[in-house]
Amino acid sequence: MRLPPYLGRAVVAGLILLVSILVFRRYLPYVGSSLAPAQPPSVVLEMRNAYFVGLNHGAKLWSLKAKKVQIGQNRYLTTLTRITDGKIFDAGKPVLEVEAGRAVYNSLAGSLAMDEGIAIMGANGQKLSASGADWNSAASLLRSTGKVQYEAPWGKASTDNMTVDMRTKQMTMTNVVISIQPSKLEGG
């Protein structure tokens, strides 16, 4: 018995459909689920070896290089890793150099949390190092997380913690230890 040509093609198509169901049974449309990931990724954008510049009215405020930059899924958390060649400018001239292991910027809260080591170098030989710090732009407060070491041509200082209020220009430190070289002080 010979099948009509249209019926033979239908049988072949049915066999192909049966084989595809058996082979691809874990995938759409057989299981009714999407091929999209169950949860959106926590990082939506990642850049490597990035260079950033902060400007205000055309003037450069700061610049930095980061080995890795990750923008979070919520779009307001940005993580910068291995920050080098950071510069803070005043009137167009670099006044501070900055390095940090990691910084997490929260644009919604206007805060910056730095950890994994921070080093700040001034133009006159000052050096400040700490394990971390938190910046709150709403309150204009910089708080260290952990001990702070300060070196200047005149000597050294260390403190258990430090808070700098940028509005009042006041610095508060606890358990301060200072070592001064009198010969290096002005007029000494």
N, C-alpha and C. Protein backbone atom coordinates (compact mmCIF):
# COMPACT_ATOMS: atom_id res chain seq x y z
N MET A 1 0.84 -1.16 0.00
CA MET A 1 0.00 0.00 0.00
C MET A 1 0.89 1.24 0.00
N ARG A 2 0.56 2.11 -0.86
CA ARG A 2 1.32 3.33 -1.02
C ARG A 2 0.50 4.49 -0.50
N LEU A 3 1.17 5.38 0.34
CA LEU A 3 0.48 6.54 0.91
C LEU A 3 0.49 7.68 -0.08
N PRO A 4 -0.55 8.48 -0.05
CA PRO A 4 -0.55 9.67 -0.91
C PRO A 4 0.60 10.60 -0.50
N PRO A 5 1.17 11.40 -1.43
CA PRO A 5 2.34 12.23 -1.14
C PRO A 5 2.09 13.21 0.01
N TYR A 6 0.91 13.79 0.11
CA TYR A 6 0.67 14.76 1.20
C TYR A 6 0.68 14.07 2.55
N LEU A 7 0.23 12.83 2.63
CA LEU A 7 0.22 12.09 3.88
C LEU A 7 1.63 11.68 4.28
N GLY A 8 2.47 11.35 3.33
CA GLY A 8 3.87 11.00 3.60
C GLY A 8 4.61 12.19 4.20
N ARG A 9 4.36 13.39 3.64
CA ARG A 9 5.00 14.59 4.18
C ARG A 9 4.50 14.88 5.59
N ALA A 10 3.26 14.63 5.85
CA ALA A 10 2.69 14.85 7.19
C ALA A 10 3.31 13.90 8.20
N VAL A 11 3.54 12.65 7.81
CA VAL A 11 4.16 11.68 8.69
C VAL A 11 5.61 12.11 8.99
N VAL A 12 6.36 12.57 7.99
CA VAL A 12 7.74 13.03 8.18
C VAL A 12 7.75 14.25 9.09
N ALA A 13 6.84 15.17 8.88
CA ALA A 13 6.77 16.38 9.73
C ALA A 13 6.44 15.99 11.16
N GLY A 14 5.55 15.03 11.33
CA GLY A 14 5.20 14.55 12.67
C GLY A 14 6.38 13.91 13.36
N LEU A 15 7.17 13.11 12.62
CA LEU A 15 8.36 12.49 13.19
C LEU A 15 9.39 13.56 13.59
N ILE A 16 9.57 14.58 12.76
CA ILE A 16 10.51 15.67 13.09
C ILE A 16 10.05 16.38 14.35
N LEU A 17 8.75 16.63 14.47
CA LEU A 17 8.21 17.28 15.66
C LEU A 17 8.42 16.41 16.89
N LEU A 18 8.20 15.12 16.78
CA LEU A 18 8.40 14.20 17.90
C LEU A 18 9.87 14.17 18.33
N VAL A 19 10.78 14.11 17.38
CA VAL A 19 12.22 14.10 17.69
C VAL A 19 12.60 15.42 18.35
N SER A 20 12.10 16.56 17.84
CA SER A 20 12.46 17.85 18.44
C SER A 20 11.91 17.97 19.86
N ILE A 21 10.75 17.41 20.12
CA ILE A 21 10.20 17.43 21.49
C ILE A 21 11.09 16.62 22.41
N LEU A 22 11.54 15.44 21.95
CA LEU A 22 12.41 14.61 22.78
C LEU A 22 13.76 15.27 23.01
N VAL A 23 14.34 15.89 21.99
CA VAL A 23 15.66 16.50 22.10
C VAL A 23 15.61 17.80 22.89
N PHE A 24 14.62 18.64 22.63
CA PHE A 24 14.55 19.96 23.23
C PHE A 24 13.46 20.09 24.29
N ARG A 25 13.18 19.01 25.00
CA ARG A 25 12.07 19.02 25.96
C ARG A 25 12.28 19.98 27.13
N ARG A 26 13.51 20.39 27.41
CA ARG A 26 13.77 21.31 28.52
C ARG A 26 13.63 22.78 28.11
N TYR A 27 13.46 23.03 26.85
CA TYR A 27 13.44 24.40 26.35
C TYR A 27 12.06 24.79 25.87
N LEU A 28 11.90 26.08 25.66
CA LEU A 28 10.67 26.63 25.10
C LEU A 28 10.34 25.96 23.79
N PRO A 29 9.17 25.82 23.39
CA PRO A 29 7.93 26.13 24.09
C PRO A 29 7.40 24.96 24.89
N TYR A 30 8.21 23.90 25.04
CA TYR A 30 7.72 22.67 25.64
C TYR A 30 7.53 22.75 27.14
N VAL A 31 8.32 23.56 27.84
CA VAL A 31 8.16 23.64 29.29
C VAL A 31 7.41 24.89 29.71
N GLY A 32 7.18 25.78 28.78
CA GLY A 32 6.41 26.98 29.08
C GLY A 32 7.18 28.05 29.84
N SER A 33 8.50 27.95 29.94
CA SER A 33 9.26 28.98 30.64
C SER A 33 10.11 29.77 29.65
N SER A 34 10.53 30.90 30.09
CA SER A 34 11.32 31.80 29.26
C SER A 34 12.78 31.38 29.23
N LEU A 35 13.48 31.75 28.19
CA LEU A 35 14.91 31.52 28.11
C LEU A 35 15.68 32.60 28.85
N ALA A 36 14.99 33.65 29.28
CA ALA A 36 15.64 34.73 30.02
C ALA A 36 16.07 34.21 31.39
N PRO A 37 17.12 34.81 31.99
CA PRO A 37 17.55 34.37 33.32
C PRO A 37 16.44 34.57 34.35
N ALA A 38 16.44 33.73 35.38
CA ALA A 38 15.42 33.79 36.43
C ALA A 38 15.44 35.15 37.14
N GLN A 39 16.64 35.70 37.37
CA GLN A 39 16.77 37.01 37.98
C GLN A 39 17.63 37.87 37.08
N PRO A 40 17.35 39.16 37.02
CA PRO A 40 18.21 40.01 36.22
C PRO A 40 19.61 40.06 36.84
N PRO A 41 20.63 40.27 36.03
CA PRO A 41 21.99 40.29 36.58
C PRO A 41 22.17 41.47 37.53
N SER A 42 23.01 41.29 38.56
CA SER A 42 23.24 42.35 39.53
C SER A 42 24.08 43.47 38.94
N VAL A 43 24.89 43.17 37.93
CA VAL A 43 25.71 44.17 37.25
C VAL A 43 25.23 44.26 35.81
N VAL A 44 24.82 45.47 35.38
CA VAL A 44 24.32 45.62 34.02
C VAL A 44 25.37 46.19 33.07
N LEU A 45 26.41 46.83 33.63
CA LEU A 45 27.46 47.38 32.78
C LEU A 45 28.79 47.27 33.52
N GLU A 46 29.79 46.75 32.82
CA GLU A 46 31.12 46.64 33.41
C GLU A 46 32.13 47.19 32.41
N MET A 47 33.01 48.07 32.92
CA MET A 47 34.06 48.64 32.08
C MET A 47 35.40 48.32 32.73
N ARG A 48 36.42 48.19 31.91
CA ARG A 48 37.77 47.93 32.41
C ARG A 48 38.68 49.06 31.96
N ASN A 49 39.65 49.39 32.84
CA ASN A 49 40.63 50.44 32.55
C ASN A 49 39.94 51.74 32.12
N ALA A 50 39.02 52.21 32.95
CA ALA A 50 38.24 53.41 32.65
C ALA A 50 38.92 54.66 33.24
N TYR A 51 38.71 55.79 32.59
CA TYR A 51 39.23 57.07 33.05
C TYR A 51 38.05 58.03 33.17
N PHE A 52 37.86 58.61 34.36
CA PHE A 52 36.74 59.50 34.61
C PHE A 52 37.23 60.89 34.99
N VAL A 53 36.47 61.90 34.61
CA VAL A 53 36.76 63.29 34.96
C VAL A 53 35.47 63.92 35.46
N GLY A 54 35.55 64.59 36.62
CA GLY A 54 34.41 65.32 37.16
C GLY A 54 34.57 66.79 36.85
N LEU A 55 33.53 67.36 36.23
CA LEU A 55 33.56 68.77 35.83
C LEU A 55 32.45 69.55 36.51
N ASN A 56 32.70 70.84 36.71
CA ASN A 56 31.68 71.76 37.22
C ASN A 56 31.88 73.09 36.51
N HIS A 57 30.90 73.49 35.72
CA HIS A 57 30.98 74.73 34.94
C HIS A 57 32.24 74.76 34.08
N GLY A 58 32.59 73.63 33.47
CA GLY A 58 33.73 73.54 32.58
C GLY A 58 35.08 73.40 33.27
N ALA A 59 35.11 73.49 34.60
CA ALA A 59 36.36 73.35 35.33
C ALA A 59 36.50 71.92 35.84
N LYS A 60 37.71 71.38 35.76
CA LYS A 60 37.98 70.03 36.23
C LYS A 60 38.06 70.03 37.75
N LEU A 61 37.21 69.19 38.40
CA LEU A 61 37.20 69.06 39.86
C LEU A 61 38.04 67.87 40.32
N TRP A 62 37.94 66.77 39.59
CA TRP A 62 38.67 65.56 39.94
C TRP A 62 38.82 64.69 38.70
N SER A 63 39.76 63.75 38.77
CA SER A 63 39.93 62.75 37.72
C SER A 63 40.48 61.49 38.37
N LEU A 64 40.23 60.34 37.75
CA LEU A 64 40.75 59.08 38.28
C LEU A 64 40.72 58.00 37.23
N LYS A 65 41.57 57.00 37.44
CA LYS A 65 41.56 55.80 36.62
C LYS A 65 41.09 54.66 37.51
N ALA A 66 40.29 53.77 36.95
CA ALA A 66 39.83 52.59 37.70
C ALA A 66 40.05 51.35 36.85
N LYS A 67 40.58 50.32 37.48
CA LYS A 67 40.82 49.05 36.78
C LYS A 67 39.51 48.44 36.32
N LYS A 68 38.46 48.56 37.18
CA LYS A 68 37.17 47.98 36.83
C LYS A 68 36.06 48.87 37.39
N VAL A 69 35.02 49.09 36.59
CA VAL A 69 33.85 49.87 37.00
C VAL A 69 32.62 49.01 36.73
N GLN A 70 31.77 48.86 37.75
CA GLN A 70 30.55 48.09 37.59
C GLN A 70 29.36 48.94 38.00
N ILE A 71 28.38 49.03 37.10
CA ILE A 71 27.14 49.76 37.40
C ILE A 71 26.09 48.71 37.74
N GLY A 72 25.47 48.87 38.90
CA GLY A 72 24.51 47.89 39.40
C GLY A 72 23.20 47.89 38.66
N GLN A 73 22.46 46.82 38.83
CA GLN A 73 21.17 46.63 38.16
C GLN A 73 20.19 47.74 38.53
N ASN A 74 20.32 48.27 39.75
CA ASN A 74 19.41 49.33 40.19
C ASN A 74 19.82 50.68 39.63
N ARG A 75 20.95 50.78 38.96
CA ARG A 75 21.47 51.96 38.27
C ARG A 75 21.97 53.08 39.18
N TYR A 76 21.83 52.98 40.49
CA TYR A 76 22.33 54.04 41.35
C TYR A 76 23.56 53.61 42.16
N LEU A 77 23.96 52.34 42.08
CA LEU A 77 25.18 51.89 42.73
C LEU A 77 26.26 51.65 41.68
N THR A 78 27.40 52.32 41.87
CA THR A 78 28.53 52.15 40.97
C THR A 78 29.74 51.76 41.81
N THR A 79 30.40 50.67 41.44
CA THR A 79 31.57 50.18 42.16
C THR A 79 32.81 50.37 41.29
N LEU A 80 33.80 51.06 41.85
CA LEU A 80 35.08 51.29 41.17
C LEU A 80 36.14 50.50 41.92
N THR A 81 36.92 49.70 41.20
CA THR A 81 37.94 48.86 41.81
C THR A 81 39.32 49.28 41.34
N ARG A 82 40.28 49.27 42.28
CA ARG A 82 41.68 49.63 42.05
C ARG A 82 41.79 51.00 41.40
N ILE A 83 41.46 52.01 42.19
CA ILE A 83 41.53 53.39 41.74
C ILE A 83 42.97 53.88 41.83
N THR A 84 43.48 54.39 40.72
CA THR A 84 44.83 54.92 40.67
C THR A 84 44.81 56.27 39.96
N ASP A 85 45.89 56.97 40.08
CA ASP A 85 46.07 58.25 39.39
C ASP A 85 44.88 59.19 39.62
N GLY A 86 44.33 59.16 40.84
CA GLY A 86 43.25 60.07 41.18
C GLY A 86 43.81 61.44 41.53
N LYS A 87 43.14 62.47 41.08
CA LYS A 87 43.58 63.83 41.35
C LYS A 87 42.39 64.69 41.75
N ILE A 88 42.61 65.54 42.75
CA ILE A 88 41.62 66.53 43.16
C ILE A 88 42.19 67.89 42.73
N PHE A 89 41.37 68.69 42.06
CA PHE A 89 41.84 69.96 41.52
C PHE A 89 41.25 71.14 42.29
N ASP A 90 42.01 72.21 42.37
CA ASP A 90 41.54 73.48 42.92
C ASP A 90 42.03 74.57 41.97
N ALA A 91 41.10 75.32 41.41
CA ALA A 91 41.41 76.37 40.44
C ALA A 91 42.22 75.82 39.27
N GLY A 92 41.86 74.61 38.83
CA GLY A 92 42.50 74.01 37.67
C GLY A 92 43.84 73.35 37.93
N LYS A 93 44.34 73.40 39.16
CA LYS A 93 45.63 72.80 39.48
C LYS A 93 45.44 71.61 40.42
N PRO A 94 46.17 70.50 40.20
CA PRO A 94 46.03 69.35 41.10
C PRO A 94 46.61 69.68 42.48
N VAL A 95 45.80 69.43 43.53
CA VAL A 95 46.25 69.69 44.89
C VAL A 95 46.40 68.41 45.71
N LEU A 96 45.70 67.36 45.32
CA LEU A 96 45.80 66.08 46.02
C LEU A 96 45.86 64.95 44.99
N GLU A 97 46.61 63.90 45.34
CA GLU A 97 46.61 62.66 44.57
C GLU A 97 45.94 61.59 45.43
N VAL A 98 45.14 60.74 44.80
CA VAL A 98 44.35 59.76 45.55
C VAL A 98 44.48 58.38 44.92
N GLU A 99 44.58 57.36 45.79
CA GLU A 99 44.51 55.96 45.38
C GLU A 99 43.58 55.25 46.34
N ALA A 100 42.84 54.27 45.86
CA ALA A 100 41.96 53.50 46.73
C ALA A 100 41.78 52.11 46.15
N GLY A 101 41.59 51.14 47.03
CA GLY A 101 41.36 49.76 46.59
C GLY A 101 40.00 49.60 45.94
N ARG A 102 38.98 50.23 46.56
CA ARG A 102 37.62 50.09 46.05
C ARG A 102 36.78 51.25 46.55
N ALA A 103 35.84 51.70 45.73
CA ALA A 103 34.90 52.73 46.14
C ALA A 103 33.52 52.37 45.59
N VAL A 104 32.49 52.55 46.41
CA VAL A 104 31.12 52.31 45.99
C VAL A 104 30.36 53.62 46.11
N TYR A 105 29.89 54.14 44.97
CA TYR A 105 29.16 55.40 44.94
C TYR A 105 27.68 55.12 44.84
N ASN A 106 26.90 55.71 45.76
CA ASN A 106 25.46 55.59 45.77
C ASN A 106 24.90 56.94 45.34
N SER A 107 24.46 57.06 44.09
CA SER A 107 23.99 58.34 43.58
C SER A 107 22.66 58.75 44.21
N LEU A 108 21.88 57.81 44.66
CA LEU A 108 20.60 58.12 45.30
C LEU A 108 20.82 58.79 46.65
N ALA A 109 21.76 58.27 47.44
CA ALA A 109 22.05 58.83 48.76
C ALA A 109 23.14 59.90 48.71
N GLY A 110 23.87 59.98 47.60
CA GLY A 110 24.97 60.94 47.51
C GLY A 110 26.13 60.56 48.41
N SER A 111 26.35 59.26 48.58
CA SER A 111 27.42 58.81 49.48
C SER A 111 28.46 58.02 48.71
N LEU A 112 29.67 58.02 49.27
CA LEU A 112 30.78 57.29 48.69
C LEU A 112 31.44 56.50 49.81
N ALA A 113 31.51 55.19 49.67
CA ALA A 113 32.16 54.33 50.66
C ALA A 113 33.43 53.78 50.03
N MET A 114 34.57 54.06 50.66
CA MET A 114 35.86 53.59 50.14
C MET A 114 36.44 52.59 51.13
N ASP A 115 37.03 51.53 50.60
CA ASP A 115 37.68 50.54 51.47
C ASP A 115 38.84 49.90 50.72
N GLU A 116 39.40 48.88 51.32
CA GLU A 116 40.56 48.17 50.77
C GLU A 116 41.76 49.08 50.62
N GLY A 117 41.86 50.08 51.49
CA GLY A 117 43.02 50.96 51.53
C GLY A 117 42.86 52.24 50.75
N ILE A 118 43.18 53.35 51.40
CA ILE A 118 43.13 54.67 50.77
C ILE A 118 44.46 55.36 51.02
N ALA A 119 44.96 56.03 50.02
CA ALA A 119 46.18 56.83 50.17
C ALA A 119 45.94 58.18 49.51
N ILE A 120 46.22 59.26 50.26
CA ILE A 120 46.06 60.63 49.74
C ILE A 120 47.40 61.34 49.93
N MET A 121 47.89 61.93 48.86
CA MET A 121 49.16 62.64 48.90
C MET A 121 48.95 64.10 48.54
N GLY A 122 49.50 65.00 49.37
CA GLY A 122 49.39 66.42 49.13
C GLY A 122 50.60 66.94 48.37
N ALA A 123 50.48 68.16 47.88
CA ALA A 123 51.54 68.77 47.07
C ALA A 123 52.79 69.09 47.90
N ASN A 124 52.66 69.27 49.21
CA ASN A 124 53.79 69.66 50.05
C ASN A 124 54.37 68.50 50.85
N GLY A 125 54.23 67.28 50.34
CA GLY A 125 54.82 66.13 50.99
C GLY A 125 53.97 65.49 52.07
N GLN A 126 52.70 65.88 52.19
CA GLN A 126 51.82 65.25 53.17
C GLN A 126 51.28 63.94 52.59
N LYS A 127 51.13 62.95 53.47
CA LYS A 127 50.55 61.67 53.08
C LYS A 127 49.57 61.24 54.15
N LEU A 128 48.42 60.78 53.73
CA LEU A 128 47.39 60.27 54.63
C LEU A 128 47.00 58.90 54.13
N SER A 129 46.95 57.92 55.02
CA SER A 129 46.51 56.59 54.63
C SER A 129 45.53 56.04 55.66
N ALA A 130 44.57 55.28 55.18
CA ALA A 130 43.54 54.69 56.05
C ALA A 130 43.03 53.42 55.38
N SER A 131 42.39 52.57 56.17
CA SER A 131 41.82 51.36 55.59
C SER A 131 40.58 51.68 54.78
N GLY A 132 39.85 52.74 55.17
CA GLY A 132 38.65 53.12 54.44
C GLY A 132 38.09 54.43 54.95
N ALA A 133 37.07 54.93 54.24
CA ALA A 133 36.39 56.17 54.64
C ALA A 133 35.02 56.20 53.99
N ASP A 134 34.11 56.94 54.61
CA ASP A 134 32.77 57.15 54.08
C ASP A 134 32.53 58.64 53.91
N TRP A 135 32.04 59.03 52.72
CA TRP A 135 31.71 60.42 52.44
C TRP A 135 30.21 60.55 52.32
N ASN A 136 29.62 61.51 53.07
CA ASN A 136 28.20 61.81 52.99
C ASN A 136 28.08 63.22 52.45
N SER A 137 27.64 63.35 51.20
CA SER A 137 27.59 64.67 50.57
C SER A 137 26.48 65.55 51.16
N ALA A 138 25.39 64.95 51.62
CA ALA A 138 24.30 65.74 52.19
C ALA A 138 24.75 66.45 53.46
N ALA A 139 25.55 65.78 54.29
CA ALA A 139 26.04 66.36 55.54
C ALA A 139 27.44 66.95 55.39
N SER A 140 28.07 66.76 54.24
CA SER A 140 29.46 67.20 53.99
C SER A 140 30.41 66.65 55.05
N LEU A 141 30.26 65.36 55.36
CA LEU A 141 31.10 64.70 56.36
C LEU A 141 31.91 63.58 55.74
N LEU A 142 33.18 63.53 56.12
CA LEU A 142 34.07 62.45 55.75
C LEU A 142 34.47 61.74 57.03
N ARG A 143 34.17 60.44 57.13
CA ARG A 143 34.50 59.65 58.31
C ARG A 143 35.41 58.50 57.94
N SER A 144 36.47 58.34 58.71
CA SER A 144 37.36 57.21 58.45
C SER A 144 36.74 55.94 58.99
N THR A 145 37.12 54.83 58.40
CA THR A 145 36.74 53.51 58.93
C THR A 145 38.05 52.83 59.29
N GLY A 146 38.41 52.91 60.53
CA GLY A 146 39.67 52.35 60.97
C GLY A 146 40.71 53.42 61.23
N LYS A 147 41.90 52.98 61.55
CA LYS A 147 43.00 53.88 61.90
C LYS A 147 43.42 54.73 60.71
N VAL A 148 43.94 55.93 61.06
CA VAL A 148 44.43 56.86 60.05
C VAL A 148 45.87 57.21 60.38
N GLN A 149 46.72 57.17 59.37
CA GLN A 149 48.12 57.56 59.51
C GLN A 149 48.35 58.82 58.68
N TYR A 150 49.03 59.82 59.29
CA TYR A 150 49.32 61.07 58.59
C TYR A 150 50.81 61.35 58.70
N GLU A 151 51.43 61.69 57.57
CA GLU A 151 52.85 62.04 57.55
C GLU A 151 53.00 63.39 56.87
N ALA A 152 53.87 64.22 57.43
CA ALA A 152 54.21 65.52 56.86
C ALA A 152 55.70 65.73 57.07
N PRO A 153 56.27 66.71 56.41
CA PRO A 153 57.70 66.96 56.61
C PRO A 153 58.06 67.23 58.08
N TRP A 154 57.14 67.75 58.89
CA TRP A 154 57.40 68.08 60.29
C TRP A 154 57.26 66.89 61.24
N GLY A 155 56.62 65.79 60.78
CA GLY A 155 56.45 64.64 61.66
C GLY A 155 55.33 63.72 61.22
N LYS A 156 54.85 62.91 62.18
CA LYS A 156 53.82 61.92 61.91
C LYS A 156 52.72 62.00 62.97
N ALA A 157 51.53 61.54 62.58
CA ALA A 157 50.41 61.45 63.52
C ALA A 157 49.59 60.22 63.15
N SER A 158 48.98 59.62 64.16
CA SER A 158 48.05 58.51 63.92
C SER A 158 46.87 58.68 64.86
N THR A 159 45.72 58.18 64.42
CA THR A 159 44.50 58.29 65.21
C THR A 159 43.64 57.05 64.96
N ASP A 160 42.82 56.72 65.96
CA ASP A 160 41.92 55.57 65.81
C ASP A 160 40.83 55.84 64.79
N ASN A 161 40.34 57.08 64.75
CA ASN A 161 39.34 57.47 63.75
C ASN A 161 39.34 58.98 63.57
N MET A 162 38.79 59.41 62.46
CA MET A 162 38.79 60.82 62.13
C MET A 162 37.49 61.17 61.43
N THR A 163 36.95 62.35 61.77
CA THR A 163 35.78 62.90 61.10
C THR A 163 36.11 64.31 60.66
N VAL A 164 35.84 64.61 59.39
CA VAL A 164 36.08 65.94 58.86
C VAL A 164 34.74 66.51 58.41
N ASP A 165 34.37 67.66 59.00
CA ASP A 165 33.16 68.37 58.62
C ASP A 165 33.57 69.47 57.65
N MET A 166 33.23 69.31 56.38
CA MET A 166 33.66 70.26 55.37
C MET A 166 32.90 71.58 55.46
N ARG A 167 31.72 71.59 56.07
CA ARG A 167 30.97 72.85 56.22
C ARG A 167 31.63 73.76 57.24
N THR A 168 32.00 73.17 58.37
CA THR A 168 32.59 73.99 59.45
C THR A 168 34.12 73.99 59.40
N LYS A 169 34.69 73.17 58.50
CA LYS A 169 36.15 73.03 58.38
C LYS A 169 36.78 72.55 59.68
N GLN A 170 36.09 71.63 60.36
CA GLN A 170 36.59 71.07 61.61
C GLN A 170 36.93 69.60 61.44
N MET A 171 38.02 69.19 62.10
CA MET A 171 38.45 67.80 62.08
C MET A 171 38.44 67.29 63.52
N THR A 172 37.84 66.14 63.73
CA THR A 172 37.79 65.53 65.05
C THR A 172 38.50 64.18 64.99
N MET A 173 39.45 63.97 65.94
CA MET A 173 40.19 62.71 65.99
C MET A 173 40.17 62.19 67.43
N THR A 174 40.24 60.87 67.58
CA THR A 174 40.31 60.28 68.92
C THR A 174 41.58 59.44 69.02
N ASN A 175 42.13 59.41 70.26
CA ASN A 175 43.37 58.66 70.54
C ASN A 175 44.47 59.01 69.54
N VAL A 176 44.86 60.27 69.56
CA VAL A 176 45.86 60.77 68.63
C VAL A 176 47.25 60.60 69.22
N VAL A 177 48.17 60.12 68.40
CA VAL A 177 49.58 60.02 68.77
C VAL A 177 50.36 60.83 67.74
N ILE A 178 51.16 61.81 68.23
CA ILE A 178 51.90 62.69 67.33
C ILE A 178 53.39 62.61 67.65
N SER A 179 54.17 62.58 66.59
CA SER A 179 55.63 62.61 66.69
C SER A 179 56.10 63.79 65.84
N ILE A 180 56.71 64.79 66.50
CA ILE A 180 57.10 66.03 65.81
C ILE A 180 58.61 66.14 65.76
N GLN A 181 59.13 66.61 64.63
CA GLN A 181 60.55 66.92 64.49
C GLN A 181 60.69 68.44 64.56
N PRO A 182 61.04 68.99 65.70
CA PRO A 182 61.08 70.44 65.89
C PRO A 182 61.94 71.16 64.86
N SER A 183 62.98 70.54 64.39
CA SER A 183 63.85 71.21 63.42
C SER A 183 63.17 71.42 62.08
N LYS A 184 62.09 70.68 61.81
CA LYS A 184 61.37 70.79 60.54
C LYS A 184 60.21 71.79 60.60
N LEU A 185 59.87 72.26 61.80
CA LEU A 185 58.79 73.23 61.93
C LEU A 185 59.26 74.60 61.46
N GLU A 186 58.33 75.41 61.00
CA GLU A 186 58.66 76.77 60.57
C GLU A 186 59.23 77.56 61.73
N GLY A 187 60.31 78.26 61.47
CA GLY A 187 60.92 79.09 62.50
C GLY A 187 61.65 78.30 63.56
N GLY A 188 61.77 76.97 63.40
CA GLY A 188 62.37 76.13 64.42
C GLY A 188 63.74 75.82 64.09
